[in-house]
């Protein structure tokens, strides 16, 4: 399943992205500012802003 996570740079959003990716889901993290990515790695999580 492909997921889009809003608020992905926050504490809860980062965890949702981490657990969803570890379960094999495709994840796109929606963040307000591309400079603040919340520790997401482009290899694992797509970034949308």
N, C-alpha and C. Protein backbone atom coordinates (compact mmCIF):
# COMPACT_ATOMS: atom_id res chain seq x y z
N UNK A 1 0.84 -1.17 0.00
CA UNK A 1 0.00 0.00 0.00
C UNK A 1 0.89 1.24 0.00
N UNK A 2 0.50 2.23 -0.75
CA UNK A 2 1.23 3.50 -0.80
C UNK A 2 0.56 4.48 0.16
N UNK A 3 1.32 5.08 1.07
CA UNK A 3 0.78 5.99 2.07
C UNK A 3 1.34 7.39 1.90
N UNK A 4 0.49 8.39 2.18
CA UNK A 4 0.92 9.79 2.24
C UNK A 4 0.70 10.23 3.67
N UNK A 5 1.78 10.66 4.34
CA UNK A 5 1.71 11.04 5.75
C UNK A 5 1.85 12.56 5.85
N UNK A 6 0.80 13.23 6.31
CA UNK A 6 0.85 14.67 6.56
C UNK A 6 1.43 14.89 7.96
N UNK A 7 2.21 15.94 8.12
CA UNK A 7 2.84 16.20 9.41
C UNK A 7 3.97 15.24 9.69
N UNK A 8 4.63 14.79 8.63
CA UNK A 8 5.63 13.74 8.74
C UNK A 8 6.93 14.18 9.39
N UNK A 9 7.13 15.47 9.60
CA UNK A 9 8.36 15.91 10.24
C UNK A 9 8.21 15.98 11.76
N UNK A 10 7.00 15.76 12.26
CA UNK A 10 6.76 15.78 13.70
C UNK A 10 7.06 14.44 14.35
N UNK A 11 6.92 14.41 15.67
CA UNK A 11 7.26 13.21 16.44
C UNK A 11 6.41 12.00 16.01
N UNK A 12 5.11 12.17 15.93
CA UNK A 12 4.22 11.06 15.57
C UNK A 12 4.38 10.70 14.10
N UNK A 13 4.46 11.71 13.23
CA UNK A 13 4.60 11.46 11.80
C UNK A 13 5.84 10.68 11.44
N UNK A 14 6.96 10.99 12.11
CA UNK A 14 8.21 10.24 11.88
C UNK A 14 8.03 8.78 12.23
N UNK A 15 7.36 8.51 13.34
CA UNK A 15 7.14 7.11 13.74
C UNK A 15 6.21 6.38 12.78
N UNK A 16 5.18 7.07 12.34
CA UNK A 16 4.27 6.44 11.37
C UNK A 16 5.03 6.07 10.11
N UNK A 17 5.86 6.98 9.61
CA UNK A 17 6.66 6.70 8.41
C UNK A 17 7.60 5.52 8.65
N UNK A 18 8.25 5.51 9.78
CA UNK A 18 9.21 4.44 10.11
C UNK A 18 8.51 3.08 10.15
N UNK A 19 7.40 2.99 10.88
CA UNK A 19 6.70 1.71 11.02
C UNK A 19 6.05 1.28 9.72
N UNK A 20 5.49 2.20 8.98
CA UNK A 20 4.87 1.85 7.70
C UNK A 20 5.91 1.32 6.73
N UNK A 21 7.07 1.98 6.68
CA UNK A 21 8.13 1.51 5.79
C UNK A 21 8.64 0.14 6.21
N UNK A 22 8.81 -0.06 7.51
CA UNK A 22 9.31 -1.36 7.99
C UNK A 22 8.31 -2.48 7.72
N UNK A 23 7.01 -2.15 7.59
CA UNK A 23 5.99 -3.14 7.24
C UNK A 23 5.87 -3.36 5.74
N UNK A 24 6.72 -2.66 4.96
CA UNK A 24 6.75 -2.88 3.53
C UNK A 24 5.88 -1.95 2.70
N UNK A 25 5.33 -0.92 3.31
CA UNK A 25 4.49 0.04 2.58
C UNK A 25 5.36 1.11 1.93
N UNK A 26 4.90 1.65 0.81
CA UNK A 26 5.55 2.81 0.21
C UNK A 26 5.08 4.05 0.96
N UNK A 27 5.99 4.94 1.28
CA UNK A 27 5.63 6.10 2.10
C UNK A 27 6.09 7.39 1.43
N UNK A 28 5.18 8.37 1.36
CA UNK A 28 5.53 9.73 0.96
C UNK A 28 5.25 10.62 2.15
N UNK A 29 6.27 11.36 2.57
CA UNK A 29 6.15 12.25 3.72
C UNK A 29 5.84 13.65 3.23
N UNK A 30 4.73 14.23 3.69
CA UNK A 30 4.36 15.59 3.32
C UNK A 30 4.84 16.52 4.42
N UNK A 31 5.74 17.44 4.08
CA UNK A 31 6.30 18.38 5.07
C UNK A 31 6.13 19.80 4.57
N UNK A 32 6.07 20.76 5.51
CA UNK A 32 5.92 22.16 5.16
C UNK A 32 7.17 22.73 4.52
N UNK A 33 8.32 22.37 5.06
CA UNK A 33 9.60 22.94 4.63
C UNK A 33 10.54 21.80 4.27
N UNK A 34 11.02 21.78 3.04
CA UNK A 34 11.90 20.69 2.58
C UNK A 34 13.21 20.66 3.35
N UNK A 35 13.62 21.78 3.93
CA UNK A 35 14.87 21.82 4.70
C UNK A 35 14.72 21.07 6.02
N UNK A 36 13.50 20.98 6.52
CA UNK A 36 13.24 20.28 7.79
C UNK A 36 12.50 19.00 7.45
N UNK A 37 13.26 17.95 7.23
CA UNK A 37 12.65 16.69 6.78
C UNK A 37 12.40 15.71 7.91
N UNK A 38 12.73 16.09 9.12
CA UNK A 38 12.42 15.23 10.25
C UNK A 38 13.22 13.94 10.28
N UNK A 39 14.39 13.92 9.66
CA UNK A 39 15.23 12.73 9.71
C UNK A 39 14.88 11.67 8.68
N UNK A 40 14.00 11.98 7.74
CA UNK A 40 13.64 11.01 6.70
C UNK A 40 14.79 10.88 5.70
N UNK A 41 14.98 9.69 5.21
CA UNK A 41 16.00 9.44 4.20
C UNK A 41 15.32 9.22 2.87
N UNK A 42 15.80 9.90 1.84
CA UNK A 42 15.18 9.80 0.51
C UNK A 42 15.17 8.38 -0.03
N UNK A 43 16.09 7.53 0.40
CA UNK A 43 16.10 6.16 -0.10
C UNK A 43 14.87 5.40 0.39
N UNK A 44 14.37 5.75 1.58
CA UNK A 44 13.26 5.03 2.17
C UNK A 44 11.93 5.73 1.98
N UNK A 45 11.93 7.07 2.08
CA UNK A 45 10.68 7.82 2.12
C UNK A 45 10.74 8.96 1.12
N UNK A 46 9.74 9.04 0.25
CA UNK A 46 9.65 10.16 -0.68
C UNK A 46 9.22 11.40 0.08
N UNK A 47 9.72 12.56 -0.31
CA UNK A 47 9.41 13.82 0.35
C UNK A 47 8.59 14.71 -0.58
N UNK A 48 7.47 15.21 -0.08
CA UNK A 48 6.64 16.15 -0.83
C UNK A 48 6.52 17.42 0.00
N UNK A 49 6.61 18.58 -0.67
CA UNK A 49 6.45 19.86 0.05
C UNK A 49 5.78 20.87 -0.81
